[in-house]
Protein backbone atom coordinates (compact mmCIF):
# COMPACT_ATOMS: atom_id res chain seq x y z
CA MET A 1 20.90 -0.45 -21.09
CA ILE A 2 19.29 -1.07 -24.35
CA GLU A 3 16.01 0.42 -25.51
CA ARG A 4 14.13 -2.70 -25.53
CA TYR A 5 14.18 -3.00 -21.82
CA SER A 6 14.50 0.54 -21.13
CA ARG A 7 11.90 3.55 -19.61
CA LYS A 8 12.73 7.02 -20.19
CA GLU A 9 12.13 8.66 -16.87
CA MET A 10 14.74 6.17 -15.36
CA VAL A 11 16.97 6.66 -18.47
CA ASP A 12 16.96 10.16 -17.94
CA ILE A 13 18.65 9.89 -14.65
CA TRP A 14 21.86 7.70 -15.96
CA SER A 15 22.28 10.53 -19.54
CA SER A 16 25.17 12.57 -19.55
CA GLU A 17 23.12 15.71 -19.38
CA GLU A 18 21.79 15.21 -16.03
CA LYS A 19 24.81 13.66 -14.58
CA TYR A 20 26.77 16.84 -15.69
CA LYS A 21 23.75 19.17 -14.40
CA ILE A 22 24.52 17.21 -11.17
CA TRP A 23 28.45 18.18 -11.50
CA LEU A 24 27.27 21.65 -12.08
CA GLU A 25 25.24 22.23 -9.29
CA ILE A 26 28.03 20.36 -6.68
CA GLU A 27 30.42 22.37 -7.89
CA ALA A 28 27.90 25.77 -7.50
CA HIS A 29 26.69 24.96 -4.25
CA ALA A 30 30.60 24.11 -2.54
CA CYS A 31 31.47 27.64 -4.05
CA ASP A 32 27.77 29.26 -2.05
CA ALA A 33 28.90 27.84 0.79
CA MET A 34 32.75 29.01 0.45
CA ALA A 35 31.38 32.36 -0.47
CA GLU A 36 29.44 32.28 3.13
CA ILE A 37 32.44 31.33 4.95
CA GLY A 38 34.33 34.30 3.18
CA LYS A 39 36.43 31.90 1.18
CA ILE A 40 35.61 33.09 -1.77
CA PRO A 41 34.16 36.25 -3.00
CA LYS A 42 29.98 36.34 -3.29
CA SER A 43 30.18 38.24 -6.33
CA SER A 44 32.38 35.34 -8.15
CA ALA A 45 29.94 32.69 -6.56
CA LYS A 46 26.75 34.42 -7.83
CA ASN A 47 28.53 34.88 -11.34
CA ILE A 48 29.47 31.25 -11.31
CA TRP A 49 25.36 30.47 -10.94
CA LYS A 50 25.13 32.87 -13.30
CA LYS A 51 27.96 32.15 -16.60
CA ALA A 52 28.68 28.36 -15.87
CA LYS A 53 27.12 25.90 -19.04
CA PHE A 54 28.31 23.00 -20.59
CA ASP A 55 28.68 21.64 -23.75
CA ILE A 56 28.76 17.96 -23.75
CA HIS A 57 30.22 17.15 -27.02
CA ARG A 58 32.98 19.70 -26.32
CA ILE A 59 33.99 17.98 -22.89
CA ASP A 60 34.67 15.20 -24.47
CA GLU A 61 36.83 16.89 -27.08
CA ILE A 62 38.97 17.99 -23.96
CA GLU A 63 38.61 14.20 -21.86
CA LYS A 64 40.46 12.99 -24.83
CA ILE A 65 43.84 15.18 -24.41
CA THR A 66 43.36 15.51 -20.44
CA LYS A 67 42.58 11.11 -20.33
CA HIS A 68 40.01 12.61 -16.97
CA ASP A 69 36.32 13.63 -17.25
CA VAL A 70 35.60 16.06 -14.20
CA ILE A 71 38.99 18.36 -15.18
CA ALA A 72 37.43 18.13 -18.96
CA PHE A 73 34.52 19.14 -16.91
CA LEU A 74 35.89 21.68 -14.94
CA THR A 75 37.86 23.29 -18.43
CA ASN A 76 34.59 23.55 -19.91
CA LEU A 77 33.07 25.35 -17.45
CA SER A 78 35.82 27.70 -17.41
CA GLU A 79 35.47 28.49 -20.68
CA HIS A 80 31.77 30.06 -20.42
CA ILE A 81 32.96 31.74 -17.01
CA GLY A 82 35.84 33.27 -17.52
CA GLU A 83 38.23 34.43 -14.24
CA ASP A 84 36.05 33.20 -11.56
CA ALA A 85 35.94 29.68 -12.85
CA ARG A 86 39.02 29.73 -10.79
CA TYR A 87 37.15 29.40 -7.15
CA LEU A 88 36.10 25.66 -8.93
CA HIS A 89 36.67 22.53 -6.88
CA GLN A 90 38.86 24.09 -4.04
CA GLY A 91 40.03 21.58 -1.96
CA MET A 92 37.67 19.40 -3.34
CA THR A 93 38.54 16.16 -5.16
CA SER A 94 37.15 13.94 -8.30
CA SER A 95 35.83 11.85 -6.06
CA ASP A 96 33.81 14.25 -4.03
CA VAL A 97 31.93 14.93 -7.48
CA LEU A 98 31.76 11.46 -8.67
CA ASP A 99 30.41 10.07 -5.44
CA THR A 100 28.23 12.62 -4.79
CA THR A 101 26.47 12.60 -7.92
CA LEU A 102 26.08 8.51 -7.46
CA SER A 103 23.99 9.19 -4.53
CA ILE A 104 22.22 11.47 -5.74
CA GLN A 105 21.34 9.57 -9.20
CA LEU A 106 20.56 6.62 -7.01
CA LYS A 107 18.17 8.32 -4.83
CA ARG A 108 16.27 9.93 -7.92
CA ALA A 109 16.67 6.13 -8.72
CA ASN A 110 15.16 4.72 -5.67
CA LYS A 111 12.19 6.86 -5.93
CA ILE A 112 10.98 5.50 -8.84
CA LEU A 113 11.37 1.98 -8.28
CA LEU A 114 9.35 2.72 -4.96
CA LYS A 115 6.69 4.16 -7.08
CA ASN A 116 6.77 0.90 -9.07
CA ILE A 117 6.33 -1.76 -5.69
CA ASP A 118 3.74 0.68 -4.68
CA GLN A 119 2.17 0.41 -7.90
CA LEU A 120 2.85 -3.68 -7.68
CA LEU A 121 1.47 -3.95 -4.42
CA LYS A 122 -1.64 -2.60 -5.00
CA ILE A 123 -2.59 -4.86 -8.00
CA ILE A 124 -1.53 -7.84 -6.46
CA LYS A 125 -3.60 -6.87 -3.21
CA LYS A 126 -6.68 -6.07 -5.79
CA ARG A 127 -6.04 -9.65 -7.59
CA ALA A 128 -5.55 -11.07 -3.85
CA PHE A 129 -9.01 -9.96 -2.66
CA GLU A 130 -10.86 -10.91 -6.11
CA HIS A 131 -9.66 -14.49 -4.96
CA LYS A 132 -9.89 -14.65 -1.38
CA ASN A 133 -12.20 -17.67 -2.08
CA THR A 134 -11.01 -19.43 -5.29
CA LEU A 135 -10.04 -22.44 -4.32
CA THR A 136 -6.61 -24.25 -5.85
CA ILE A 137 -4.42 -26.48 -4.88
CA GLY A 138 -1.03 -26.21 -2.81
CA ARG A 139 1.46 -27.77 -4.51
CA SER A 140 4.99 -29.29 -2.62
CA HIS A 141 7.95 -30.81 -5.39
CA GLY A 142 5.55 -29.12 -7.98
CA ILE A 143 3.01 -32.18 -6.77
CA HIS A 144 -0.61 -31.74 -5.34
CA ALA A 145 -0.45 -31.17 -1.72
CA GLU A 146 -3.53 -29.52 0.13
CA PRO A 147 -6.36 -26.73 -0.96
CA ILE A 148 -5.14 -23.37 -0.55
CA THR A 149 -6.95 -20.29 -2.49
CA PHE A 150 -5.39 -17.94 -5.43
CA GLY A 151 -5.40 -15.62 -2.95
CA PHE A 152 -3.68 -16.61 -0.19
CA LYS A 153 -1.08 -17.88 -3.19
CA LEU A 154 -0.50 -14.03 -4.06
CA ALA A 155 -1.32 -12.79 -0.67
CA THR A 156 2.60 -14.62 -0.30
CA PHE A 157 3.72 -12.19 -2.89
CA PHE A 158 1.94 -9.25 -1.53
CA ALA A 159 3.68 -9.81 2.04
CA GLU A 160 7.26 -10.34 0.31
CA PHE A 161 6.78 -7.31 -1.65
CA LYS A 162 5.98 -5.17 1.53
CA ARG A 163 8.90 -6.89 2.68
CA ASN A 164 11.44 -5.48 -0.69
CA LYS A 165 9.20 -2.15 0.25
CA LYS A 166 11.02 -2.22 3.45
CA ARG A 167 14.48 -2.97 2.18
CA LEU A 168 14.51 -0.50 -0.40
CA GLU A 169 13.88 2.21 1.26
CA PHE A 170 15.72 1.54 4.22
CA CYS A 171 19.07 1.20 1.96
CA GLU A 172 17.78 4.55 0.07
CA LYS A 173 19.12 6.06 3.64
CA GLU A 174 22.34 3.98 3.12
CA ILE A 175 23.37 5.25 -0.17
CA SER A 176 21.96 8.93 0.49
CA THR A 177 25.39 10.23 1.56
CA CYS A 178 27.76 13.11 0.26
CA ALA A 179 31.30 13.35 0.42
CA ILE A 180 33.05 16.75 -0.05
CA SER A 181 36.28 15.86 2.10
CA GLY A 182 38.74 16.36 -0.35
CA ALA A 183 42.18 14.34 -1.18
CA VAL A 184 41.91 11.21 1.08
CA GLY A 185 39.01 12.86 3.05
CA THR A 186 40.58 14.55 5.97
CA PHE A 187 38.87 17.72 4.78
CA ALA A 188 42.94 19.27 4.83
CA HIS A 189 42.01 21.91 1.96
CA ILE A 190 38.28 22.41 2.35
CA ASN A 191 35.85 23.12 5.53
CA PRO A 192 33.42 20.68 6.34
CA GLU A 193 30.97 23.24 6.66
CA ILE A 194 31.07 23.07 2.74
CA GLU A 195 29.94 18.99 2.79
CA ILE A 196 27.07 20.01 5.20
CA HIS A 197 25.85 22.97 3.09
CA VAL A 198 25.99 20.87 -0.51
CA ALA A 199 24.20 17.73 1.04
CA LYS A 200 21.46 19.52 2.76
CA GLN A 201 20.61 20.95 -0.98
CA PHE A 202 20.36 17.62 -2.39
CA ASN A 203 18.50 16.00 0.91
CA LEU A 204 21.66 13.89 1.49
CA LYS A 205 23.60 13.75 4.58
CA PRO A 206 27.13 13.92 5.70
CA GLU A 207 29.19 10.98 5.39
CA GLU A 208 30.22 9.96 8.77
CA ILE A 209 33.94 9.50 7.46
CA SER A 210 34.81 8.78 4.14
CA THR A 211 38.62 8.15 2.49
CA GLN A 212 38.44 9.79 -0.57
CA ILE A 213 35.58 7.79 -1.57
CA ILE A 214 32.13 7.45 0.20
CA PRO A 215 32.72 3.61 1.54
CA ARG A 216 31.54 0.54 -1.33
CA ASP A 217 29.60 -1.59 1.56
CA ARG A 218 26.97 0.90 1.52
CA HIS A 219 26.08 0.37 -2.76
CA ALA A 220 26.93 -3.10 -1.85
CA MET A 221 24.31 -3.53 0.33
CA TYR A 222 22.20 -1.64 -2.43
CA PHE A 223 22.73 -3.52 -5.63
CA SER A 224 22.59 -6.71 -3.31
CA THR A 225 18.87 -5.42 -2.06
CA LEU A 226 17.48 -4.58 -6.24
CA ALA A 227 18.95 -8.83 -6.55
CA VAL A 228 16.23 -9.32 -3.82
CA ILE A 229 13.41 -7.51 -5.54
CA ALA A 230 14.53 -9.07 -8.42
CA SER A 231 14.18 -12.50 -7.28
CA SER A 232 10.95 -12.12 -5.73
CA ILE A 233 9.86 -10.90 -9.50
CA GLU A 234 11.10 -13.74 -10.90
CA ARG A 235 9.65 -15.72 -8.03
CA LEU A 236 5.81 -14.91 -8.91
CA ALA A 237 7.11 -15.01 -12.87
CA THR A 238 7.69 -18.42 -11.90
CA GLU A 239 4.62 -19.37 -10.59
CA ILE A 240 2.72 -17.76 -13.71
CA ARG A 241 4.74 -19.74 -15.85
CA HIS A 242 4.07 -23.18 -13.93
CA LEU A 243 0.55 -22.46 -13.91
CA GLN A 244 -0.37 -21.38 -17.44
CA ARG A 245 1.60 -24.85 -18.77
CA THR A 246 -1.09 -26.51 -20.89
CA GLU A 247 -1.62 -29.29 -18.70
CA VAL A 248 -2.42 -27.45 -15.71
CA ARG A 249 -3.93 -23.97 -17.04
CA GLU A 250 -4.82 -22.17 -14.21
CA VAL A 251 -3.60 -18.73 -15.21
CA GLU A 252 -2.56 -17.29 -17.97
CA GLU A 253 -0.69 -14.10 -19.85
CA PHE A 254 -2.90 -11.93 -21.33
CA PHE A 255 -3.33 -12.63 -25.47
CA SER A 256 -3.64 -9.56 -26.97
CA ILE A 257 -5.81 -9.22 -30.76
CA GLY A 258 -2.83 -9.76 -33.45
CA GLN A 259 -0.25 -11.06 -30.76
CA LYS A 260 1.34 -14.11 -32.33
CA GLY A 261 2.60 -17.31 -30.26
CA SER A 262 5.24 -19.20 -32.60
CA SER A 263 6.65 -18.39 -35.86
CA ALA A 264 6.21 -22.01 -36.45
CA MET A 265 2.74 -23.06 -34.76
CA PRO A 266 -0.32 -20.95 -34.82
CA HIS A 267 -2.02 -22.13 -31.89
CA LYS A 268 0.80 -21.25 -29.45
CA ARG A 269 0.20 -18.56 -26.52
CA ASN A 270 3.02 -18.88 -24.73
CA PRO A 271 3.93 -17.09 -21.02
CA VAL A 272 6.75 -14.54 -22.97
CA LEU A 273 6.32 -11.83 -20.58
CA THR A 274 7.02 -13.98 -17.37
CA GLU A 275 9.86 -15.67 -19.29
CA ASN A 276 11.08 -12.17 -19.77
CA LEU A 277 11.01 -10.99 -16.66
CA THR A 278 12.54 -14.60 -15.40
CA GLY A 279 15.56 -13.28 -18.10
CA LEU A 280 16.25 -9.63 -16.37
CA ALA A 281 16.22 -11.15 -13.06
CA ARG A 282 19.36 -12.77 -13.80
CA ILE A 283 20.85 -9.22 -15.47
CA ILE A 284 19.60 -7.20 -12.37
CA ARG A 285 21.20 -10.20 -9.71
CA SER A 286 24.90 -10.37 -12.16
CA SER A 287 25.59 -6.87 -10.58
CA VAL A 288 25.95 -8.15 -6.84
CA ILE A 289 29.29 -10.65 -6.87
CA PRO A 290 31.00 -6.93 -8.45
CA ALA A 291 29.43 -4.68 -6.43
CA LEU A 292 30.34 -6.95 -3.34
CA GLU A 293 33.92 -6.30 -4.90
CA ASN A 294 33.49 -2.96 -4.77
CA VAL A 295 33.73 -2.28 -1.26
CA SER A 296 37.60 -3.86 -1.04
CA LEU A 297 39.58 -0.59 -2.88
CA TRP A 298 43.32 -0.13 -1.66
CA HIS A 299 44.45 2.11 1.07
CA GLU A 300 42.31 5.16 0.68
CA ARG A 301 40.63 5.14 -3.36
CA ASP A 302 41.61 3.22 -6.35
CA ILE A 303 39.19 3.43 -9.57
CA SER A 304 38.60 -0.27 -10.08
CA HIS A 305 35.37 0.31 -9.07
CA SER A 306 34.58 3.81 -11.06
CA SER A 307 34.01 1.12 -14.16
CA VAL A 308 32.15 -0.96 -12.55
CA GLU A 309 29.61 1.65 -11.15
CA ARG A 310 29.40 2.83 -14.60
CA MET A 311 27.67 0.10 -16.39
CA ILE A 312 25.83 -1.74 -12.91
CA ALA A 313 24.16 1.55 -11.66
CA PRO A 314 22.62 2.39 -14.72
CA ASP A 315 21.91 -0.62 -16.23
CA VAL A 316 20.10 -2.52 -13.41
CA THR A 317 18.13 0.35 -12.30
CA ILE A 318 16.79 0.66 -15.59
CA THR A 319 16.44 -2.77 -16.13
CA LEU A 320 14.62 -3.38 -12.68
CA ASP A 321 12.40 -0.33 -13.08
CA PHE A 322 11.27 -1.75 -16.30
CA ALA A 323 10.77 -5.53 -14.89
CA LEU A 324 8.77 -3.95 -12.40
CA ASN A 325 6.50 -2.28 -14.49
CA ARG A 326 6.05 -5.13 -16.59
CA LEU A 327 5.34 -7.09 -13.70
CA ILE A 328 2.41 -4.48 -12.88
CA ASN A 329 1.05 -5.18 -16.61
CA VAL A 330 1.58 -8.76 -15.91
CA MET A 331 -0.86 -9.10 -12.61
CA GLU A 332 -3.40 -6.33 -13.96
CA ASN A 333 -4.21 -8.17 -17.25
CA LEU A 334 -3.49 -12.06 -16.10
CA ILE A 335 -6.43 -14.24 -16.84
CA ILE A 336 -7.29 -16.52 -14.09
CA TYR A 337 -9.12 -19.90 -15.36
CA PRO A 338 -10.84 -20.97 -11.38
CA LYS A 339 -12.88 -24.20 -13.08
CA ASN A 340 -9.80 -25.64 -14.29
CA MET A 341 -8.40 -24.81 -10.60
CA GLN A 342 -11.25 -27.14 -9.37
CA GLU A 343 -10.84 -29.80 -11.90
CA ASN A 344 -7.26 -29.93 -11.21
CA ILE A 345 -8.05 -30.19 -7.27
CA GLU A 346 -10.14 -32.74 -8.03
CA ASN A 347 -7.85 -34.60 -10.11
CA LEU A 348 -6.21 -36.82 -7.24
CA GLY A 349 -9.28 -38.24 -6.30
CA GLY A 350 -9.59 -36.96 -2.73
CA LEU A 351 -5.98 -37.46 -2.44
CA ILE A 352 -5.64 -33.96 -1.05
CA PHE A 353 -7.40 -34.69 2.35
CA SER A 354 -5.02 -37.66 3.79
CA GLN A 355 -3.58 -35.79 6.89
CA GLN A 356 -6.84 -35.40 7.87
CA ILE A 357 -7.77 -38.98 8.06
CA LEU A 358 -4.45 -39.24 9.55
CA LEU A 359 -4.74 -36.98 12.53
CA LEU A 360 -8.35 -38.24 13.14
CA LEU A 361 -7.21 -41.80 13.58
CA THR A 362 -4.43 -40.35 15.77
CA GLN A 363 -6.88 -38.65 17.94
CA LYS A 364 -8.92 -41.98 17.88
CA GLY A 365 -6.01 -44.10 19.83
CA LEU A 366 -4.20 -45.56 16.31
CA SER A 367 -0.78 -44.53 16.25
CA ARG A 368 0.88 -42.16 13.89
CA GLU A 369 3.05 -44.76 12.55
CA LYS A 370 0.12 -47.46 11.96
CA SER A 371 -2.35 -44.29 10.66
CA TYR A 372 0.42 -43.25 8.08
CA LYS A 373 0.76 -46.85 7.01
CA ILE A 374 -3.02 -47.66 6.16
CA ILE A 375 -3.97 -44.41 5.04
CA GLN A 376 -0.60 -44.87 2.08
CA LYS A 377 -1.64 -48.10 1.53
CA ASN A 378 -5.24 -47.11 0.27
CA ALA A 379 -3.83 -43.57 -1.32
CA MET A 380 -1.17 -45.63 -3.26
CA LYS A 381 -4.63 -47.45 -4.80
CA VAL A 382 -5.96 -44.22 -5.86
CA TRP A 383 -2.40 -42.73 -7.82
CA GLU A 384 -2.44 -45.97 -9.60
CA THR A 385 -5.81 -45.32 -11.01
CA PRO A 386 -6.37 -43.45 -14.33
CA VAL A 387 -7.38 -40.37 -13.68
CA SER A 388 -10.99 -40.45 -15.46
CA GLU A 389 -11.90 -43.23 -13.09
CA ARG A 390 -10.60 -41.89 -9.57
CA LYS A 391 -13.31 -39.55 -8.40
CA GLY A 392 -14.40 -40.22 -5.24
CA LEU A 393 -12.15 -43.09 -5.27
CA PHE A 394 -10.04 -42.70 -1.87
CA GLU A 395 -13.40 -41.85 0.52
CA LYS A 396 -13.86 -45.31 -0.81
CA LEU A 397 -11.71 -46.91 -0.41
CA LEU A 398 -11.10 -45.64 3.09
CA CYS A 399 -14.59 -46.44 3.82
CA SER A 400 -14.49 -49.84 2.47
CA ASP A 401 -11.22 -50.61 4.90
CA LYS A 402 -11.54 -52.26 7.64
CA ASP A 403 -8.90 -51.59 10.02
CA ILE A 404 -10.04 -48.06 9.17
CA LEU A 405 -13.55 -48.66 10.79
CA LYS A 406 -12.53 -50.07 13.01
CA LYS A 407 -11.46 -46.94 14.69
CA LEU A 408 -13.84 -44.49 12.29
CA THR A 409 -17.54 -44.36 10.84
CA LYS A 410 -18.04 -43.40 7.51
CA ASP A 411 -19.71 -40.46 8.35
CA GLU A 412 -16.73 -39.77 10.11
CA ILE A 413 -14.46 -39.79 7.15
CA LYS A 414 -17.00 -38.27 5.02
CA ASN A 415 -16.69 -35.02 7.10
CA GLU A 416 -13.21 -34.86 6.66
CA PHE A 417 -13.96 -34.63 3.26
CA ASN A 418 -14.41 -30.73 3.61
CA TYR A 419 -12.58 -28.05 1.56
CA GLN A 420 -13.60 -25.45 4.96
CA HIS A 421 -10.90 -27.43 6.74
CA HIS A 422 -8.18 -25.73 4.48
CA THR A 423 -10.10 -22.00 3.99
CA LYS A 424 -11.43 -21.43 7.66
CA ASN A 425 -8.23 -19.45 8.78
CA ILE A 426 -8.13 -17.74 5.06
CA ASP A 427 -9.61 -14.19 6.87
CA LEU A 428 -7.52 -14.65 9.65
CA ILE A 429 -4.07 -14.73 7.30
CA PHE A 430 -5.22 -11.49 4.87
CA THR A 431 -5.77 -9.69 8.07
CA ARG A 432 -2.01 -10.72 9.62
CA VAL A 433 -0.33 -9.63 5.79
CA PHE A 434 -3.07 -6.52 4.34
CA GLN A 435 -3.53 -4.67 7.76
CA THR A 436 -0.40 -5.01 9.30
């Protein structure tokens, strides 16, 4: 985590202060449950809540000696609580505290990410409807294919992030588990009711079976999902970057007063935000392999996953939170150039209607192979003509081709050069995307 790509709300979840606060609450709630079943005096449980305090610096001092963070924490608590501190952590193991805390932190982080995605969906939907009927060119392999609308293009991203929201909701359930089952997970020294009670306090569910840790396939799924979301961010960012290229210039990131594009070239207006998002997506995806490797641990527990998660859990959630908010800003302020879109559509002199003529010829009795050959012959002539001379050229060539005129009239050809062929189902598509 670096400050440049961080937002306070998410950073606070992963602070040492917040971590130890959760540790304390887990231990205290466990004591409450033990008191209820008569394992410890109720007065002691109340006293623990009353007197329990921690000092981060003191914990660090103790850990230098103990080489164990949970023990250092418990030692510091005992310095404040006194005699009743002996009831802390009874029958528990470090992983009970650490893993349950991680579940709580990931769950809280996930709430923020879901809120971000809701905001992003809202702005994408707004911009999609603004440009529902704004003609633009669809591209395959980066080459002009057939007309679409810019709203259609944005609707694909809305549908994708809608799926991402569902994935994130599912994964929140995956990681919202609690383990208070003691050494190797057998409840040998702690009553399962303790786990049930602690789980309820944090709106978690008891892990159905843990060894000494919560199974890491859950976390692997979670980080993989964050990586998928990052890839969706990159797809939208890459689209904007391509469309902002000088030769295309169909959209542009907002360029604010006083902003500078280049230290050397004063004329530059670069897509720096979406380039940044592309880089952040790479960082988020880098967590996936370590998360997957964490699944396979030695026997009932080792700590090879621990150092990994101390890094990727905060870094990835913080980075994704920042990236989603940056993308929201980009989409809110994105400048769109419909006139440039129209000019680019016309760049190929009508070639984008080639499939319509192909289909019409086959319907008139000509073989697909013959139809394709005739149309392609004329299309290649357009490709070889300078852009400035292409306007209406494809239609003219078709209308003068003797083989085509044997099957089609000039009016029939002309009628196929119609954008409505390509936009006639936009209402249906929008209904599917935005109302389901």
